[in-house]
Amino acid sequence: MDPDEYLQKNSAEDLAYLLTKTRISPIEFYIHQLKPENSDNLQAQIEFIEKIAPLIAKEKSITAQNSYIHILADNLPSFDYQQVEQIVNESRIVQRQERVKEEQPPAAISLPVTRQLTAVMRAEAHLLYRMAENPVVLNDYRLREDFFFDTPEFQILYELLSVEGQIGSEELSHQTPEVENAWYHVLSLDLPAEMSPQELVEVEATRNRALLSKDNLRIKKKVQEASHVGDTDTALEELQRLISQKRRME
């Protein structure tokens, strides 16, 4: 329900009072009015988030953004904070790309903004920074054959770092602008000079939770697609995977 629909059932004075006297923001208004009646319906939850995420992405206050994301996560049983945050981040990136197309600026390399990164990317940038600053840390990860970065640009940088021991202008000159931007972002991190004893363990735990959340979103989309075409077997199979993963996150 938007303000026009609200006015069909209520007076203009009621709407004005709601928005001014009760201190409710326009985004909160939409959250409350568009919230699905059946909060257990996954399709309804997805459609709800898709409507609200672009509005949150336009909010300039990071504090307000976090507050709205928490409100959404609290009202949707199938989504947690990190999953909602990722959807909002994706909306923000789309909006930024649309603005760039409209403005048509000259080609230039711009550094990514931290708040536009997903939780996985933030954790991986943190790990890569420590590897670049500490040869012992880098060597420890090189010995782990099962370790790799989920973010393609960070994986390329990790492989360069593993081979060369450092990354300079010569190595970057052979890479894409995206890889170069990713490296500059890593270098821009303002982390303490010394690591805390459990720092890397905690960062990896955060990364693993974020990866599970990311995979949950992918599974939910597969459930949605399978349900849409009537593929009940696939939908149930993916739903069981989703339930299993959620238990792993508890």
C-alpha atoms as a PDB file:
ATOM      1  CA  MET A   1       0.000   0.000   0.000  1.00  0.00           C
ATOM      2  CA  ASP A   2       1.408   3.403  -0.972  1.00  0.00           C
ATOM      3  CA  PRO A   3       0.213   6.813   0.348  1.00  0.00           C
ATOM      4  CA  ASP A   4      -2.429   7.002  -2.430  1.00  0.00           C
ATOM      5  CA  GLU A   5      -3.847   3.624  -1.435  1.00  0.00           C
ATOM      6  CA  TYR A   6      -3.717   4.666   2.207  1.00  0.00           C
ATOM      7  CA  LEU A   7      -5.753   7.764   1.355  1.00  0.00           C
ATOM      8  CA  GLN A   8      -8.428   5.598  -0.241  1.00  0.00           C
ATOM      9  CA  LYS A   9      -9.126   4.061   3.160  1.00  0.00           C
ATOM     10  CA  ASN A  10      -8.151   6.941   5.442  1.00  0.00           C
ATOM     11  CA  SER A  11      -8.334  10.709   5.460  1.00  0.00           C
ATOM     12  CA  ALA A  12      -5.541  13.061   4.417  1.00  0.00           C
ATOM     13  CA  GLU A  13      -5.410  14.253   8.016  1.00  0.00           C
ATOM     14  CA  ASP A  14      -4.756  10.687   9.195  1.00  0.00           C
ATOM     15  CA  LEU A  15      -1.857  10.319   6.775  1.00  0.00           C
ATOM     16  CA  ALA A  16      -0.390  13.684   7.740  1.00  0.00           C
ATOM     17  CA  TYR A  17      -0.663  12.800  11.430  1.00  0.00           C
ATOM     18  CA  LEU A  18       0.981   9.421  10.828  1.00  0.00           C
ATOM     19  CA  LEU A  19       3.965  10.924   9.015  1.00  0.00           C
ATOM     20  CA  THR A  20       4.481  13.995  11.205  1.00  0.00           C
ATOM     21  CA  LYS A  21       3.155  13.429  14.706  1.00  0.00           C
ATOM     22  CA  THR A  22       4.110   9.794  15.198  1.00  0.00           C
ATOM     23  CA  ARG A  23       7.656  10.404  13.927  1.00  0.00           C
ATOM     24  CA  ILE A  24       7.398   7.543  11.472  1.00  0.00           C
ATOM     25  CA  SER A  25       9.680   7.869   8.459  1.00  0.00           C
ATOM     26  CA  PRO A  26       8.444   7.289   4.895  1.00  0.00           C
ATOM     27  CA  ILE A  27      10.435   4.035   4.728  1.00  0.00           C
ATOM     28  CA  GLU A  28       8.906   2.790   7.991  1.00  0.00           C
ATOM     29  CA  PHE A  29       5.501   3.684   6.546  1.00  0.00           C
ATOM     30  CA  TYR A  30       6.144   1.486   3.512  1.00  0.00           C
ATOM     31  CA  ILE A  31       7.537  -1.336   5.665  1.00  0.00           C
ATOM     32  CA  HIS A  32       4.410  -1.431   7.818  1.00  0.00           C
ATOM     33  CA  GLN A  33       1.957  -0.987   4.942  1.00  0.00           C
ATOM     34  CA  LEU A  34       3.598  -3.407   2.482  1.00  0.00           C
ATOM     35  CA  LYS A  35       4.354  -6.151   5.008  1.00  0.00           C
ATOM     36  CA  PRO A  36       2.776  -9.381   3.687  1.00  0.00           C
ATOM     37  CA  GLU A  37      -0.258 -10.641   5.557  1.00  0.00           C
ATOM     38  CA  ASN A  38       1.113 -14.176   5.448  1.00  0.00           C
ATOM     39  CA  SER A  39       4.626 -13.666   6.819  1.00  0.00           C
ATOM     40  CA  ASP A  40       5.425 -17.381   6.371  1.00  0.00           C
ATOM     41  CA  ASN A  41       4.986 -17.253   2.584  1.00  0.00           C
ATOM     42  CA  LEU A  42       8.487 -17.192   1.050  1.00  0.00           C
ATOM     43  CA  GLN A  43       7.350 -15.679  -2.259  1.00  0.00           C
ATOM     44  CA  ALA A  44       5.537 -12.873  -0.423  1.00  0.00           C
ATOM     45  CA  GLN A  45       8.632 -12.203   1.687  1.00  0.00           C
ATOM     46  CA  ILE A  46      10.859 -11.992  -1.405  1.00  0.00           C
ATOM     47  CA  GLU A  47       8.478  -9.587  -3.163  1.00  0.00           C
ATOM     48  CA  PHE A  48       8.289  -7.485   0.009  1.00  0.00           C
ATOM     49  CA  ILE A  49      12.084  -7.169   0.273  1.00  0.00           C
ATOM     50  CA  GLU A  50      12.390  -6.373  -3.433  1.00  0.00           C
ATOM     51  CA  LYS A  51      10.047  -3.409  -2.922  1.00  0.00           C
ATOM     52  CA  ILE A  52      11.685  -2.068   0.246  1.00  0.00           C
ATOM     53  CA  ALA A  53      15.396  -2.678  -0.516  1.00  0.00           C
ATOM     54  CA  PRO A  54      15.660   0.093  -3.179  1.00  0.00           C
ATOM     55  CA  LEU A  55      14.138   2.580  -0.724  1.00  0.00           C
ATOM     56  CA  ILE A  56      16.634   1.672   2.003  1.00  0.00           C
ATOM     57  CA  ALA A  57      19.493   1.863  -0.511  1.00  0.00           C
ATOM     58  CA  LYS A  58      18.621   5.518  -1.179  1.00  0.00           C
ATOM     59  CA  GLU A  59      18.782   6.423   2.525  1.00  0.00           C
ATOM     60  CA  LYS A  60      21.916   8.515   3.158  1.00  0.00           C
ATOM     61  CA  SER A  61      22.221   7.709   6.862  1.00  0.00           C
ATOM     62  CA  ILE A  62      24.082   4.439   7.495  1.00  0.00           C
ATOM     63  CA  THR A  63      22.550   4.272  10.976  1.00  0.00           C
ATOM     64  CA  ALA A  64      19.066   4.571   9.519  1.00  0.00           C
ATOM     65  CA  GLN A  65      19.871   1.944   6.884  1.00  0.00           C
ATOM     66  CA  ASN A  66      20.981  -0.520   9.557  1.00  0.00           C
ATOM     67  CA  SER A  67      17.834   0.209  11.557  1.00  0.00           C
ATOM     68  CA  TYR A  68      15.556  -0.475   8.590  1.00  0.00           C
ATOM     69  CA  ILE A  69      17.456  -3.660   7.719  1.00  0.00           C
ATOM     70  CA  HIS A  70      16.994  -4.867  11.309  1.00  0.00           C
ATOM     71  CA  ILE A  71      13.261  -4.097  11.096  1.00  0.00           C
ATOM     72  CA  LEU A  72      12.951  -6.137   7.905  1.00  0.00           C
ATOM     73  CA  ALA A  73      14.952  -9.049   9.303  1.00  0.00           C
ATOM     74  CA  ASP A  74      12.856  -9.063  12.491  1.00  0.00           C
ATOM     75  CA  ASN A  75       9.631  -9.221  10.474  1.00  0.00           C
ATOM     76  CA  LEU A  76      10.680 -11.907   7.993  1.00  0.00           C
ATOM     77  CA  PRO A  77      11.176 -15.438   9.371  1.00  0.00           C
ATOM     78  CA  SER A  78      13.062 -16.672   6.281  1.00  0.00           C
ATOM     79  CA  PHE A  79      15.691 -13.910   6.197  1.00  0.00           C
ATOM     80  CA  ASP A  80      18.356 -12.732   8.627  1.00  0.00           C
ATOM     81  CA  TYR A  81      20.168  -9.385   8.863  1.00  0.00           C
ATOM     82  CA  GLN A  82      23.077 -10.334   6.586  1.00  0.00           C
ATOM     83  CA  GLN A  83      20.774 -11.634   3.861  1.00  0.00           C
ATOM     84  CA  VAL A  84      18.657  -8.473   3.879  1.00  0.00           C
ATOM     85  CA  GLU A  85      21.839  -6.368   3.939  1.00  0.00           C
ATOM     86  CA  GLN A  86      23.117  -8.165   0.843  1.00  0.00           C
ATOM     87  CA  ILE A  87      19.884  -7.473  -1.063  1.00  0.00           C
ATOM     88  CA  VAL A  88      20.049  -3.790  -0.079  1.00  0.00           C
ATOM     89  CA  ASN A  89      23.686  -3.653  -1.211  1.00  0.00           C
ATOM     90  CA  GLU A  90      22.718  -5.147  -4.562  1.00  0.00           C
ATOM     91  CA  SER A  91      19.989  -2.511  -4.956  1.00  0.00           C
ATOM     92  CA  ARG A  92      22.498   0.220  -4.146  1.00  0.00           C
ATOM     93  CA  ILE A  93      24.922  -1.074  -6.769  1.00  0.00           C
ATOM     94  CA  VAL A  94      22.151  -1.174  -9.394  1.00  0.00           C
ATOM     95  CA  GLN A  95      21.137   2.392  -8.533  1.00  0.00           C
ATOM     96  CA  ARG A  96      24.726   3.550  -8.769  1.00  0.00           C
ATOM     97  CA  GLN A  97      25.166   1.888 -12.160  1.00  0.00           C
ATOM     98  CA  GLU A  98      22.002   3.571 -13.406  1.00  0.00           C
ATOM     99  CA  ARG A  99      23.262   6.969 -12.235  1.00  0.00           C
ATOM    100  CA  VAL A 100      26.589   6.395 -13.973  1.00  0.00           C
ATOM    101  CA  LYS A 101      24.793   5.566 -17.231  1.00  0.00           C
ATOM    102  CA  GLU A 102      22.670   8.711 -16.949  1.00  0.00           C
ATOM    103  CA  GLU A 103      25.578  10.993 -16.140  1.00  0.00           C
ATOM    104  CA  GLN A 104      27.935   9.333 -18.673  1.00  0.00           C
ATOM    105  CA  PRO A 105      31.156  10.503 -16.974  1.00  0.00           C
ATOM    106  CA  PRO A 106      34.566  10.052 -18.626  1.00  0.00           C
ATOM    107  CA  ALA A 107      36.169   6.669 -18.031  1.00  0.00           C
ATOM    108  CA  ALA A 108      37.916   6.595 -14.678  1.00  0.00           C
ATOM    109  CA  ILE A 109      38.865   4.174 -11.938  1.00  0.00           C
ATOM    110  CA  SER A 110      36.976   4.753  -8.707  1.00  0.00           C
ATOM    111  CA  LEU A 111      37.614   3.006  -5.433  1.00  0.00           C
ATOM    112  CA  PRO A 112      34.707   1.023  -4.015  1.00  0.00           C
ATOM    113  CA  VAL A 113      32.921   2.401  -0.986  1.00  0.00           C
ATOM    114  CA  THR A 114      33.097   0.145   2.077  1.00  0.00           C
ATOM    115  CA  ARG A 115      29.368   0.153   2.753  1.00  0.00           C
ATOM    116  CA  GLN A 116      28.734  -1.156  -0.785  1.00  0.00           C
ATOM    117  CA  LEU A 117      30.676  -4.326  -0.092  1.00  0.00           C
ATOM    118  CA  THR A 118      28.970  -7.483   1.059  1.00  0.00           C
ATOM    119  CA  ALA A 119      29.823  -9.068   4.395  1.00  0.00           C
ATOM    120  CA  VAL A 120      31.833 -11.737   2.543  1.00  0.00           C
ATOM    121  CA  MET A 121      33.872  -9.129   0.672  1.00  0.00           C
ATOM    122  CA  ARG A 122      34.574  -7.111   3.821  1.00  0.00           C
ATOM    123  CA  ALA A 123      35.845 -10.199   5.650  1.00  0.00           C
ATOM    124  CA  GLU A 124      37.954 -11.301   2.690  1.00  0.00           C
ATOM    125  CA  ALA A 125      39.475  -7.836   2.276  1.00  0.00           C
ATOM    126  CA  HIS A 126      40.421  -7.997   5.962  1.00  0.00           C
ATOM    127  CA  LEU A 127      42.117 -11.381   5.498  1.00  0.00           C
ATOM    128  CA  LEU A 128      43.962 -10.268   2.370  1.00  0.00           C
ATOM    129  CA  TYR A 129      45.232  -7.161   4.153  1.00  0.00           C
ATOM    130  CA  ARG A 130      46.734  -9.286   6.933  1.00  0.00           C
ATOM    131  CA  MET A 131      48.334 -11.620   4.377  1.00  0.00           C
ATOM    132  CA  ALA A 132      49.917  -8.688   2.553  1.00  0.00           C
ATOM    133  CA  GLU A 133      51.244  -7.188   5.784  1.00  0.00           C
ATOM    134  CA  ASN A 134      52.432 -10.399   7.423  1.00  0.00           C
ATOM    135  CA  PRO A 135      54.422 -13.070   5.486  1.00  0.00           C
ATOM    136  CA  VAL A 136      53.780 -15.615   8.247  1.00  0.00           C
ATOM    137  CA  VAL A 137      50.027 -15.198   7.860  1.00  0.00           C
ATOM    138  CA  LEU A 138      50.332 -15.499   4.077  1.00  0.00           C
ATOM    139  CA  ASN A 139      52.378 -18.679   4.379  1.00  0.00           C
ATOM    140  CA  ASP A 140      49.896 -20.214   6.824  1.00  0.00           C
ATOM    141  CA  TYR A 141      47.092 -19.751   4.302  1.00  0.00           C
ATOM    142  CA  ARG A 142      49.237 -20.964   1.401  1.00  0.00           C
ATOM    143  CA  LEU A 143      49.635 -24.267   3.272  1.00  0.00           C
ATOM    144  CA  ARG A 144      45.862 -24.670   3.439  1.00  0.00           C
ATOM    145  CA  GLU A 145      44.996 -26.365   0.153  1.00  0.00           C
ATOM    146  CA  ASP A 146      41.265 -26.027   0.816  1.00  0.00           C
ATOM    147  CA  PHE A 147      41.365 -22.244   1.246  1.00  0.00           C
ATOM    148  CA  PHE A 148      40.228 -19.893  -1.495  1.00  0.00           C
ATOM    149  CA  PHE A 149      38.484 -16.527  -1.753  1.00  0.00           C
ATOM    150  CA  ASP A 150      34.857 -16.370  -2.822  1.00  0.00           C
ATOM    151  CA  THR A 151      35.356 -12.931  -4.401  1.00  0.00           C
ATOM    152  CA  PRO A 152      37.032 -13.468  -7.824  1.00  0.00           C
ATOM    153  CA  GLU A 153      39.130 -10.286  -7.638  1.00  0.00           C
ATOM    154  CA  PHE A 154      40.454 -11.206  -4.193  1.00  0.00           C
ATOM    155  CA  GLN A 155      41.254 -14.751  -5.368  1.00  0.00           C
ATOM    156  CA  ILE A 156      43.363 -13.331  -8.212  1.00  0.00           C
ATOM    157  CA  LEU A 157      45.179 -11.034  -5.780  1.00  0.00           C
ATOM    158  CA  TYR A 158      45.708 -13.921  -3.358  1.00  0.00           C
ATOM    159  CA  GLU A 159      47.275 -16.039  -6.106  1.00  0.00           C
ATOM    160  CA  LEU A 160      49.538 -13.138  -7.119  1.00  0.00           C
ATOM    161  CA  LEU A 161      50.529 -12.585  -3.515  1.00  0.00           C
ATOM    162  CA  SER A 162      51.219 -16.285  -3.008  1.00  0.00           C
ATOM    163  CA  VAL A 163      53.561 -16.396  -6.001  1.00  0.00           C
ATOM    164  CA  GLU A 164      55.256 -12.995  -5.786  1.00  0.00           C
ATOM    165  CA  GLY A 165      55.152 -12.381  -2.034  1.00  0.00           C
ATOM    166  CA  GLN A 166      54.015  -8.822  -2.717  1.00  0.00           C
ATOM    167  CA  ILE A 167      51.932  -6.884  -5.214  1.00  0.00           C
ATOM    168  CA  GLY A 168      53.373  -3.831  -6.936  1.00  0.00           C
ATOM    169  CA  SER A 169      52.539  -1.656  -9.912  1.00  0.00           C
ATOM    170  CA  GLU A 170      54.121  -4.149 -12.314  1.00  0.00           C
ATOM    171  CA  GLU A 171      51.841  -6.987 -11.194  1.00  0.00           C
ATOM    172  CA  LEU A 172      48.781  -4.725 -11.227  1.00  0.00           C
ATOM    173  CA  SER A 173      49.517  -3.448 -14.735  1.00  0.00           C
ATOM    174  CA  HIS A 174      48.546  -6.858 -16.137  1.00  0.00           C
ATOM    175  CA  GLN A 175      45.237  -6.994 -14.255  1.00  0.00           C
ATOM    176  CA  THR A 176      41.749  -5.661 -14.960  1.00  0.00           C
ATOM    177  CA  PRO A 177      40.534  -2.370 -13.431  1.00  0.00           C
ATOM    178  CA  GLU A 178      38.287  -4.421 -11.124  1.00  0.00           C
ATOM    179  CA  VAL A 179      41.248  -6.330  -9.686  1.00  0.00           C
ATOM    180  CA  GLU A 180      43.252  -3.117  -9.369  1.00  0.00           C
ATOM    181  CA  ASN A 181      40.364  -1.409  -7.548  1.00  0.00           C
ATOM    182  CA  ALA A 182      40.030  -4.391  -5.220  1.00  0.00           C
ATOM    183  CA  TRP A 183      43.721  -4.144  -4.294  1.00  0.00           C
ATOM    184  CA  TYR A 184      43.501  -0.408  -3.633  1.00  0.00           C
ATOM    185  CA  HIS A 185      40.526  -1.051  -1.386  1.00  0.00           C
ATOM    186  CA  VAL A 186      42.514  -3.619   0.609  1.00  0.00           C
ATOM    187  CA  LEU A 187      45.361  -1.126   1.015  1.00  0.00           C
ATOM    188  CA  SER A 188      42.922   1.544   2.202  1.00  0.00           C
ATOM    189  CA  LEU A 189      41.724  -0.497   5.193  1.00  0.00           C
ATOM    190  CA  ASP A 190      42.459   1.181   8.499  1.00  0.00           C
ATOM    191  CA  LEU A 191      43.298  -1.839  10.656  1.00  0.00           C
ATOM    192  CA  PRO A 192      45.438  -1.863  13.820  1.00  0.00           C
ATOM    193  CA  ALA A 193      49.132  -2.520  13.245  1.00  0.00           C
ATOM    194  CA  GLU A 194      49.060  -5.599  15.474  1.00  0.00           C
ATOM    195  CA  MET A 195      46.601  -8.465  15.230  1.00  0.00           C
ATOM    196  CA  SER A 196      44.637  -9.652  18.217  1.00  0.00           C
ATOM    197  CA  PRO A 197      45.158 -13.347  19.128  1.00  0.00           C
ATOM    198  CA  GLN A 198      41.803 -14.507  17.750  1.00  0.00           C
ATOM    199  CA  GLU A 199      41.398 -11.915  14.998  1.00  0.00           C
ATOM    200  CA  LEU A 200      41.764 -14.178  11.965  1.00  0.00           C
ATOM    201  CA  VAL A 201      39.632 -16.908  13.535  1.00  0.00           C
ATOM    202  CA  GLU A 202      36.838 -14.410  14.181  1.00  0.00           C
ATOM    203  CA  VAL A 203      37.090 -12.890  10.703  1.00  0.00           C
ATOM    204  CA  GLU A 204      36.931 -16.343   9.111  1.00  0.00           C
ATOM    205  CA  ALA A 205      33.914 -17.215  11.252  1.00  0.00           C
ATOM    206  CA  THR A 206      32.194 -14.035  10.074  1.00  0.00           C
ATOM    207  CA  ARG A 207      33.082 -14.899   6.478  1.00  0.00           C
ATOM    208  CA  ASN A 208      31.748 -18.445   6.813  1.00  0.00           C
ATOM    209  CA  ARG A 209      28.444 -17.206   8.236  1.00  0.00           C
ATOM    210  CA  ALA A 210      28.156 -14.694   5.409  1.00  0.00           C
ATOM    211  CA  LEU A 211      28.903 -17.400   2.828  1.00  0.00           C
ATOM    212  CA  LEU A 212      26.150 -19.566   4.295  1.00  0.00           C
ATOM    213  CA  SER A 213      23.754 -16.625   4.160  1.00  0.00           C
ATOM    214  CA  LYS A 214      24.722 -15.992   0.543  1.00  0.00           C
ATOM    215  CA  ASP A 215      24.154 -19.646  -0.305  1.00  0.00           C
ATOM    216  CA  ASN A 216      20.802 -19.556   1.475  1.00  0.00           C
ATOM    217  CA  LEU A 217      19.699 -16.736  -0.813  1.00  0.00           C
ATOM    218  CA  ARG A 218      20.731 -18.776  -3.838  1.00  0.00           C
ATOM    219  CA  ILE A 219      18.793 -21.793  -2.575  1.00  0.00           C
ATOM    220  CA  LYS A 220      15.721 -19.647  -1.870  1.00  0.00           C
ATOM    221  CA  LYS A 221      15.783 -18.382  -5.436  1.00  0.00           C
ATOM    222  CA  LYS A 222      15.946 -21.984  -6.695  1.00  0.00           C
ATOM    223  CA  VAL A 223      12.969 -22.882  -4.484  1.00  0.00           C
ATOM    224  CA  GLN A 224      11.084 -19.903  -5.859  1.00  0.00           C
ATOM    225  CA  GLU A 225      11.911 -20.778  -9.477  1.00  0.00           C
ATOM    226  CA  ALA A 226      11.035 -24.455  -9.022  1.00  0.00           C
ATOM    227  CA  SER A 227       7.737 -23.593  -7.316  1.00  0.00           C
ATOM    228  CA  HIS A 228       6.891 -21.149 -10.093  1.00  0.00           C
ATOM    229  CA  VAL A 229       7.177 -23.827 -12.805  1.00  0.00           C
ATOM    230  CA  GLY A 230       5.503 -26.508 -10.692  1.00  0.00           C
ATOM    231  CA  ASP A 231       8.657 -28.568 -10.098  1.00  0.00           C
ATOM    232  CA  THR A 232       7.625 -29.773  -6.645  1.00  0.00           C
ATOM    233  CA  ASP A 233      10.396 -32.361  -6.281  1.00  0.00           C
ATOM    234  CA  THR A 234      13.176 -29.825  -6.866  1.00  0.00           C
ATOM    235  CA  ALA A 235      11.456 -27.263  -4.646  1.00  0.00           C
ATOM    236  CA  LEU A 236      11.217 -29.746  -1.760  1.00  0.00           C
ATOM    237  CA  GLU A 237      14.805 -30.925  -2.265  1.00  0.00           C
ATOM    238  CA  GLU A 238      16.145 -27.363  -2.175  1.00  0.00           C
ATOM    239  CA  LEU A 239      13.921 -26.511   0.779  1.00  0.00           C
ATOM    240  CA  GLN A 240      15.429 -29.421   2.729  1.00  0.00           C
ATOM    241  CA  ARG A 241      18.902 -28.087   1.896  1.00  0.00           C
ATOM    242  CA  LEU A 242      17.845 -24.665   3.137  1.00  0.00           C
ATOM    243  CA  ILE A 243      16.566 -26.074   6.430  1.00  0.00           C
ATOM    244  CA  SER A 244      19.792 -28.054   6.876  1.00  0.00           C
ATOM    245  CA  GLN A 245      21.927 -24.970   6.290  1.00  0.00           C
ATOM    246  CA  LYS A 246      19.889 -22.866   8.693  1.00  0.00           C
ATOM    247  CA  ARG A 247      20.511 -25.492  11.378  1.00  0.00           C
ATOM    248  CA  ARG A 248      24.251 -25.212  10.685  1.00  0.00           C
ATOM    249  CA  MET A 249      24.017 -21.469  11.295  1.00  0.00           C
ATOM    250  CA  GLU A 250      22.323 -21.881  14.694  1.00  0.00           C
END
